[in-house]
Amino acid sequence: MKIIFVCSGNTCRSPLAESIAKSLLPHDSIASRGLFAVEGQAISKESLEL
């Protein structure tokens, strides 16, 4: 199965959802993207702490 999570900046919601999904579905293709994402922008500090 292929799953993609999309949000505006790809720094909080979609990377967090991607991480959770990858832990639950390790054999599936899972990614996250942002509609207005800036290449190289890191995940937010708050999301990383979760």
Protein backbone atom coordinates (compact mmCIF):
# COMPACT_ATOMS: atom_id res chain seq x y z
CA MET A 1 0.00 0.00 0.00
CA LYS A 2 1.13 3.57 -0.70
CA ILE A 3 0.13 6.37 1.67
CA ILE A 4 0.99 10.07 1.47
CA PHE A 5 0.15 12.65 4.13
CA VAL A 6 -0.21 16.26 2.95
CA CYS A 7 -0.37 19.51 4.93
CA SER A 8 0.66 23.08 4.22
CA GLY A 9 4.30 23.26 5.32
CA ASN A 10 5.33 19.63 5.96
CA THR A 11 6.96 20.61 9.26
CA CYS A 12 4.40 19.40 11.79
CA ARG A 13 1.24 17.45 10.96
CA SER A 14 2.19 15.38 7.93
CA PRO A 15 5.70 14.37 9.14
CA LEU A 16 4.19 13.36 12.48
CA ALA A 17 1.49 11.31 10.75
CA GLU A 18 4.15 9.77 8.48
CA SER A 19 6.25 8.73 11.46
CA ILE A 20 3.31 7.15 13.28
CA ALA A 21 2.12 5.34 10.15
CA LYS A 22 5.62 3.99 9.44
CA SER A 23 5.79 2.53 12.94
CA LEU A 24 2.39 0.87 12.48
CA LEU A 25 2.85 -0.20 8.84
CA PRO A 26 6.59 -0.89 8.38
CA HIS A 27 6.20 -2.72 5.05
CA ASP A 28 4.16 -0.04 3.28
CA SER A 29 5.36 2.96 1.27
CA ILE A 30 4.61 6.04 3.38
CA ALA A 31 5.62 9.66 2.76
CA SER A 32 4.67 13.22 3.67
CA ARG A 33 4.58 16.38 1.60
CA GLY A 34 3.59 20.02 2.00
CA LEU A 35 1.70 22.26 -0.39
CA PHE A 36 3.84 25.28 0.51
CA ALA A 37 6.88 23.45 1.88
CA VAL A 38 10.36 24.92 1.63
CA GLU A 39 12.97 22.35 0.63
CA GLY A 40 15.28 21.57 3.53
CA GLN A 41 12.90 22.98 6.17
CA ALA A 42 13.17 20.77 9.25
CA ILE A 43 10.32 19.27 11.25
CA SER A 44 9.12 21.60 13.99
CA LYS A 45 10.79 21.31 17.38
CA GLU A 46 7.47 20.52 19.05
CA SER A 47 6.74 17.63 16.67
CA LEU A 48 10.22 16.25 17.09
CA GLU A 49 9.80 16.18 20.87
CA LEU A 50 6.72 13.93 20.55
